[in-house]
Amino acid sequence: MGCDGGTIPKRHELVKGPKKVEKVDKNAELAAKWKYCALSQEKLKRPVVACELGRLYNKDAIIEYLLDKSAERPNTEVVAHIRGIKDVKELNLTDNPAWEGESRNIKGDCYEDMHCAMFICPVVGLEMSGKHKFCYLQTCGCVFSERALKEVKTEICHKCGDPFQEDDIVVLNGSKDNVEKLQKTMEERRLKAKTAKKSKKSKDLKVTSKPQDSTGTRDVKGNCETRNTSETKSTLLNGESSSVTHSESAPGPSTSGEHSKMIKTPAEPLTGSKRSIQDMRDKSETYKSLFTSHSSAKRTKDQISNWVTHTPYHF
């Protein structure tokens, strides 16, 4: 059973056992979460945004994804819950004075501290490298460590002074349990927003429908009133005409001058009749001359001229 050279193989070299589970380096995992964009896998650079589940992205990558969702990109499952730019909040980060940037080690001949973070907590001074829990506020976008929010308990932002509530605090790059809780709160918030929109729409429809109904009833009432007045006018006119005809046809001597006046003077033209203005005796000539039916407004055939258009060809 020996090999060339007189060596004897061991058991672990001949018998294959179960494969060992590959362990991910914690430092590499933290660097991937806190220093690189979750969508494009590029290094984080300002402006940095975060979603409602606490993941960090470059704003340029999110805008490109929203403009063209059909393009093939890796890690699109991470951004499936983002519907628009409103579902993302731009973070107000504080720079780390100890971080010198990437331009310091261009040649690669210097020691580069991989654990040094770009941003820190403005209250406590902890580095945002993943070793400590960090949160951001959805109202203003300021980022703090969890220790700062626990030690200094206020309802006002430590950095900008805007008020906030406990529901506005979102954990950045949290565990699975934190992500599940944030997903539940996100769904509840979206349902509340939908119900609020529906209630507002129904209220607007009710407000717009009420004045229309009132105007409609007013129009109906106005039509009824006009009809009633027209009917009364017609009945009155019929009554007057019948009385006049009766007085004309009734035989006998004229008893009073009023009856003779009623018979002699014809009734005035009523509104709505088709009698011309020139036949009205109570109107003056100056008033009648204002209308085209007057004799002064009429022209003879000689005075009427044809419409002629001149073109440059005639000259």
Protein backbone atom coordinates (compact mmCIF):
# COMPACT_ATOMS: atom_id res chain seq x y z
CA MET A 1 0.00 0.00 0.00
CA GLY A 2 2.98 2.28 -0.17
CA CYS A 3 3.54 4.98 -2.76
CA ASP A 4 6.67 5.75 -4.63
CA GLY A 5 9.45 6.64 -2.28
CA GLY A 6 8.15 4.43 0.54
CA THR A 7 5.51 6.87 1.84
CA ILE A 8 2.37 5.51 3.49
CA PRO A 9 -0.91 7.46 2.92
CA LYS A 10 -3.09 8.31 5.87
CA ARG A 11 -6.79 7.68 6.25
CA HIS A 12 -7.96 11.27 5.76
CA GLU A 13 -6.12 11.32 2.45
CA LEU A 14 -7.90 8.26 1.11
CA VAL A 15 -11.37 8.54 2.66
CA LYS A 16 -13.42 11.65 1.84
CA GLY A 17 -15.41 12.90 4.81
CA PRO A 18 -18.18 15.53 5.03
CA LYS A 19 -17.35 18.96 3.68
CA LYS A 20 -16.61 21.68 6.16
CA VAL A 21 -18.94 24.63 6.18
CA GLU A 22 -17.20 27.66 4.83
CA LYS A 23 -17.31 30.49 7.28
CA VAL A 24 -17.62 34.02 6.03
CA ASP A 25 -15.11 36.47 7.35
CA LYS A 26 -16.94 38.89 9.67
CA ASN A 27 -14.78 41.84 8.72
CA ALA A 28 -15.47 41.27 5.03
CA GLU A 29 -19.20 40.92 5.67
CA LEU A 30 -19.30 44.15 7.67
CA ALA A 31 -17.31 45.99 5.01
CA ALA A 32 -19.72 44.78 2.31
CA LYS A 33 -22.73 46.09 4.25
CA TRP A 34 -21.36 49.40 5.56
CA LYS A 35 -18.93 50.49 2.85
CA TYR A 36 -20.61 49.32 -0.37
CA CYS A 37 -23.96 49.97 -2.04
CA ALA A 38 -26.45 47.13 -1.59
CA LEU A 39 -27.64 47.43 -5.20
CA SER A 40 -24.64 48.30 -7.39
CA GLN A 41 -21.94 46.85 -5.07
CA GLU A 42 -19.92 50.05 -5.55
CA LYS A 43 -18.31 52.05 -2.76
CA LEU A 44 -20.66 54.35 -0.89
CA LYS A 45 -20.32 57.99 -1.80
CA ARG A 46 -22.42 61.04 -1.10
CA PRO A 47 -25.37 61.34 -1.49
CA VAL A 48 -26.15 58.14 0.45
CA VAL A 49 -29.76 57.01 0.88
CA ALA A 50 -31.45 54.33 2.99
CA CYS A 51 -34.71 52.43 2.50
CA GLU A 52 -37.37 51.62 5.09
CA LEU A 53 -35.65 48.27 5.81
CA GLY A 54 -32.36 49.98 6.75
CA ARG A 55 -30.20 49.15 3.71
CA LEU A 56 -27.64 51.64 2.36
CA TYR A 57 -27.50 52.66 -1.31
CA ASN A 58 -25.93 55.22 -3.58
CA LYS A 59 -28.59 57.64 -4.75
CA ASP A 60 -27.37 57.44 -8.35
CA ALA A 61 -27.89 53.66 -8.40
CA ILE A 62 -31.45 53.99 -7.06
CA ILE A 63 -32.36 56.63 -9.64
CA GLU A 64 -30.97 54.47 -12.48
CA TYR A 65 -32.96 51.48 -11.20
CA LEU A 66 -36.21 53.49 -10.99
CA LEU A 67 -35.74 54.96 -14.47
CA ASP A 68 -35.22 51.55 -16.10
CA LYS A 69 -36.45 48.59 -14.07
CA SER A 70 -36.35 46.26 -17.08
CA ALA A 71 -32.53 46.33 -17.29
CA GLU A 72 -30.72 43.28 -16.02
CA ARG A 73 -28.95 44.12 -12.77
CA PRO A 74 -27.64 41.96 -9.93
CA ASN A 75 -29.28 42.13 -6.49
CA THR A 76 -32.64 43.43 -7.79
CA GLU A 77 -34.39 41.43 -5.05
CA VAL A 78 -32.93 43.81 -2.48
CA VAL A 79 -34.73 46.76 -4.09
CA ALA A 80 -38.08 45.06 -4.85
CA HIS A 81 -39.91 47.01 -2.11
CA ILE A 82 -38.81 50.42 -3.46
CA ARG A 83 -41.58 51.82 -5.69
CA GLY A 84 -40.32 55.38 -6.06
CA ILE A 85 -37.86 57.95 -4.80
CA LYS A 86 -40.24 58.74 -1.90
CA ASP A 87 -39.60 55.28 -0.42
CA VAL A 88 -35.95 56.27 0.10
CA LYS A 89 -34.53 58.86 2.54
CA GLU A 90 -31.31 60.79 1.98
CA LEU A 91 -29.06 60.45 5.03
CA ASN A 92 -27.50 63.35 6.88
CA LEU A 93 -24.11 61.83 7.77
CA THR A 94 -21.19 63.27 9.78
CA ASP A 95 -17.68 62.70 8.40
CA ASN A 96 -15.01 60.93 10.38
CA PRO A 97 -11.99 63.24 10.88
CA ALA A 98 -9.67 60.21 11.25
CA TRP A 99 -10.55 58.89 7.78
CA GLU A 100 -8.05 60.26 5.26
CA GLY A 101 -9.76 58.89 2.15
CA GLU A 102 -8.65 56.67 -0.69
CA SER A 103 -6.24 59.18 -2.21
CA ARG A 104 -3.71 58.59 0.60
CA ASN A 105 -2.81 55.03 -0.46
CA ILE A 106 -2.76 55.31 -4.25
CA LYS A 107 0.63 53.66 -4.68
CA GLY A 108 -0.16 50.91 -2.17
CA ASP A 109 3.00 51.48 -0.11
CA CYS A 110 1.19 52.60 3.05
CA TYR A 111 -0.75 50.80 5.71
CA GLU A 112 -4.50 51.15 5.17
CA ASP A 113 -6.74 50.62 8.15
CA MET A 114 -9.73 48.68 6.83
CA HIS A 115 -11.63 49.08 10.11
CA CYS A 116 -11.66 52.87 9.89
CA ALA A 117 -15.10 54.12 8.83
CA MET A 118 -16.04 57.14 6.72
CA PHE A 119 -18.75 58.37 9.10
CA ILE A 120 -19.23 58.62 12.87
CA CYS A 121 -21.99 59.33 15.37
CA PRO A 122 -22.18 63.10 16.06
CA VAL A 123 -23.17 62.59 19.72
CA VAL A 124 -20.98 59.76 21.04
CA GLY A 125 -18.29 59.66 18.34
CA LEU A 126 -18.57 55.93 17.52
CA GLU A 127 -17.48 54.91 14.04
CA MET A 128 -20.15 53.62 11.66
CA SER A 129 -18.26 50.46 10.74
CA GLY A 130 -20.84 47.82 11.77
CA LYS A 131 -19.43 47.02 15.20
CA HIS A 132 -22.06 49.25 16.79
CA LYS A 133 -25.74 49.60 15.97
CA PHE A 134 -26.72 52.73 14.06
CA CYS A 135 -30.15 54.21 13.32
CA TYR A 136 -31.55 56.98 11.18
CA LEU A 137 -34.65 59.15 11.57
CA GLN A 138 -37.22 59.12 8.78
CA THR A 139 -38.26 62.69 9.53
CA CYS A 140 -34.91 64.42 8.90
CA GLY A 141 -32.51 61.63 7.81
CA CYS A 142 -29.93 62.23 10.58
CA VAL A 143 -27.87 59.19 11.61
CA PHE A 144 -26.98 58.32 15.23
CA SER A 145 -25.73 55.34 17.15
CA GLU A 146 -28.20 53.36 19.23
CA ARG A 147 -26.18 54.17 22.33
CA ALA A 148 -26.66 57.90 21.79
CA LEU A 149 -30.44 57.54 21.45
CA LYS A 150 -30.61 55.44 24.64
CA GLU A 151 -28.36 57.64 26.76
CA VAL A 152 -29.84 60.98 25.68
CA LYS A 153 -33.59 60.38 25.57
CA THR A 154 -35.30 63.26 23.83
CA GLU A 155 -38.09 63.74 21.30
CA ILE A 156 -35.98 66.20 19.30
CA CYS A 157 -33.18 65.35 16.89
CA HIS A 158 -29.71 65.90 18.41
CA LYS A 159 -28.32 67.34 15.19
CA CYS A 160 -31.02 69.42 13.45
CA GLY A 161 -33.65 69.82 16.19
CA ASP A 162 -36.64 68.34 14.30
CA PRO A 163 -39.19 66.43 16.43
CA PHE A 164 -39.53 62.66 15.95
CA GLN A 165 -41.30 59.63 17.44
CA GLU A 166 -40.24 56.07 18.16
CA ASP A 167 -41.87 54.83 14.94
CA ASP A 168 -39.56 57.10 12.92
CA ILE A 169 -36.40 55.30 14.11
CA VAL A 170 -35.04 52.76 11.57
CA VAL A 171 -32.10 50.44 12.34
CA LEU A 172 -29.39 50.40 9.67
CA ASN A 173 -28.23 46.97 8.45
CA GLY A 174 -30.02 45.20 11.30
CA SER A 175 -30.45 41.48 11.93
CA LYS A 176 -33.19 39.29 10.43
CA ASP A 177 -35.53 40.01 13.34
CA ASN A 178 -35.03 43.75 12.92
CA VAL A 179 -35.69 43.50 9.18
CA GLU A 180 -38.92 41.54 9.76
CA LYS A 181 -40.17 44.14 12.27
CA LEU A 182 -39.31 46.97 9.88
CA GLN A 183 -41.12 45.18 7.04
CA LYS A 184 -44.29 44.84 9.16
CA THR A 185 -44.22 48.52 10.13
CA MET A 186 -43.63 49.45 6.48
CA GLU A 187 -46.67 47.46 5.33
CA GLU A 188 -48.85 48.97 8.08
CA ARG A 189 -47.70 52.48 7.16
CA ARG A 190 -48.51 51.94 3.49
CA LEU A 191 -51.96 50.57 4.32
CA LYS A 192 -52.69 53.64 6.47
CA ALA A 193 -51.58 55.91 3.65
CA LYS A 194 -53.88 54.10 1.18
CA THR A 195 -56.90 54.33 3.48
CA ALA A 196 -56.19 58.01 4.09
CA LYS A 197 -56.06 58.67 0.33
CA LYS A 198 -59.33 56.81 -0.24
CA SER A 199 -61.10 58.72 2.54
CA LYS A 200 -59.79 62.03 1.18
CA LYS A 201 -61.02 61.16 -2.33
CA SER A 202 -64.48 60.23 -1.03
CA LYS A 203 -64.67 63.51 0.92
CA ASP A 204 -63.67 65.51 -2.17
CA LEU A 205 -66.32 63.73 -4.24
CA LYS A 206 -68.99 64.50 -1.64
CA VAL A 207 -67.96 68.15 -1.48
CA THR A 208 -68.03 68.50 -5.27
CA SER A 209 -71.37 66.66 -5.64
CA LYS A 210 -73.25 68.80 -3.06
CA PRO A 211 -73.10 72.15 -4.92
CA GLN A 212 -74.10 70.44 -8.16
CA ASP A 213 -77.21 68.98 -6.50
CA SER A 214 -78.12 72.34 -5.01
CA THR A 215 -77.73 74.07 -8.36
CA GLY A 216 -79.80 71.38 -10.00
CA THR A 217 -82.64 71.88 -7.51
CA ARG A 218 -82.36 75.61 -8.00
CA ASP A 219 -82.59 75.18 -11.76
CA VAL A 220 -85.62 72.94 -11.39
CA LYS A 221 -87.27 75.45 -9.04
CA GLY A 222 -86.45 78.29 -11.43
CA ASN A 223 -87.93 76.38 -14.37
CA CYS A 224 -91.07 75.66 -12.37
CA GLU A 225 -91.36 79.32 -11.39
CA THR A 226 -90.90 80.49 -14.97
CA ARG A 227 -93.49 78.02 -16.15
CA ASN A 228 -95.94 79.19 -13.50
CA THR A 229 -95.38 82.84 -14.40
CA SER A 230 -95.79 82.11 -18.12
CA GLU A 231 -99.02 80.22 -17.42
CA THR A 232 -100.36 83.06 -15.30
CA LYS A 233 -99.38 85.56 -18.00
CA SER A 234 -101.12 83.50 -20.66
CA THR A 235 -104.26 83.21 -18.54
CA LEU A 236 -104.24 86.95 -17.89
CA LEU A 237 -103.76 87.69 -21.55
CA ASN A 238 -106.55 85.35 -22.52
CA GLY A 239 -108.79 86.97 -19.91
CA GLU A 240 -108.01 90.50 -21.17
CA SER A 241 -108.58 89.57 -24.78
CA SER A 242 -111.81 87.83 -23.97
CA SER A 243 -113.00 90.85 -21.99
CA VAL A 244 -112.17 93.14 -24.89
CA THR A 245 -113.92 90.95 -27.42
CA HIS A 246 -116.89 90.61 -25.12
CA SER A 247 -117.15 94.38 -24.72
CA GLU A 248 -116.86 94.83 -28.48
CA SER A 249 -119.45 92.19 -29.30
CA ALA A 250 -121.87 93.09 -26.47
CA PRO A 251 -124.81 95.15 -27.82
CA GLY A 252 -126.10 98.24 -26.05
CA PRO A 253 -125.17 101.87 -25.54
CA SER A 254 -121.83 102.92 -24.24
CA THR A 255 -122.36 103.68 -20.60
CA SER A 256 -118.92 105.03 -19.59
CA GLY A 257 -115.91 106.64 -21.30
CA GLU A 258 -113.55 104.00 -19.99
CA HIS A 259 -115.23 101.33 -22.06
CA SER A 260 -115.00 103.51 -25.13
CA LYS A 261 -111.29 104.10 -24.44
CA MET A 262 -110.68 100.41 -24.07
CA ILE A 263 -112.45 99.78 -27.35
CA LYS A 264 -110.87 102.64 -29.27
CA THR A 265 -107.26 102.30 -28.11
CA PRO A 266 -105.78 98.92 -28.98
CA ALA A 267 -103.92 96.97 -26.35
CA GLU A 268 -100.21 97.61 -25.99
CA PRO A 269 -97.90 95.01 -27.49
CA LEU A 270 -96.98 92.45 -24.91
CA THR A 271 -93.57 91.09 -24.22
CA GLY A 272 -93.08 87.86 -26.10
CA SER A 273 -95.34 88.88 -29.05
CA LYS A 274 -93.91 89.03 -32.57
CA ARG A 275 -95.26 92.50 -33.33
CA SER A 276 -92.65 94.85 -34.82
CA ILE A 277 -91.41 97.92 -32.98
CA GLN A 278 -92.33 100.21 -35.89
CA ASP A 279 -96.05 99.47 -35.35
CA MET A 280 -95.96 100.61 -31.73
CA ARG A 281 -97.72 103.96 -31.35
CA ASP A 282 -96.43 104.79 -27.88
CA LYS A 283 -92.76 104.76 -29.07
CA SER A 284 -91.14 107.87 -30.53
CA GLU A 285 -89.54 108.14 -33.96
CA THR A 286 -86.05 108.63 -32.53
CA TYR A 287 -86.38 105.38 -30.61
CA LYS A 288 -87.68 103.56 -33.71
CA SER A 289 -84.79 104.91 -35.84
CA LEU A 290 -82.30 103.01 -33.66
CA PHE A 291 -83.41 99.70 -35.23
CA THR A 292 -82.69 98.34 -38.71
CA SER A 293 -86.38 97.90 -39.45
CA HIS A 294 -86.78 101.69 -39.68
CA SER A 295 -87.22 103.25 -43.12
CA SER A 296 -84.08 105.38 -42.72
CA ALA A 297 -81.92 102.27 -42.35
CA LYS A 298 -83.14 100.75 -45.61
CA ARG A 299 -81.14 101.33 -48.83
CA THR A 300 -82.08 101.30 -52.44
CA LYS A 301 -80.56 99.05 -55.08
CA ASP A 302 -78.36 101.88 -56.33
CA GLN A 303 -76.90 102.47 -52.91
CA ILE A 304 -76.06 98.81 -52.39
CA SER A 305 -72.57 98.02 -53.74
CA ASN A 306 -70.97 94.66 -54.39
CA TRP A 307 -67.95 93.59 -52.36
CA VAL A 308 -64.81 93.87 -54.52
CA THR A 309 -61.36 92.56 -53.60
CA HIS A 310 -58.34 94.12 -55.29
CA THR A 311 -55.25 92.09 -56.06
CA PRO A 312 -51.84 93.34 -57.20
CA TYR A 313 -52.56 91.92 -60.66
CA HIS A 314 -55.05 94.75 -61.40
CA PHE A 315 -52.37 97.46 -61.10
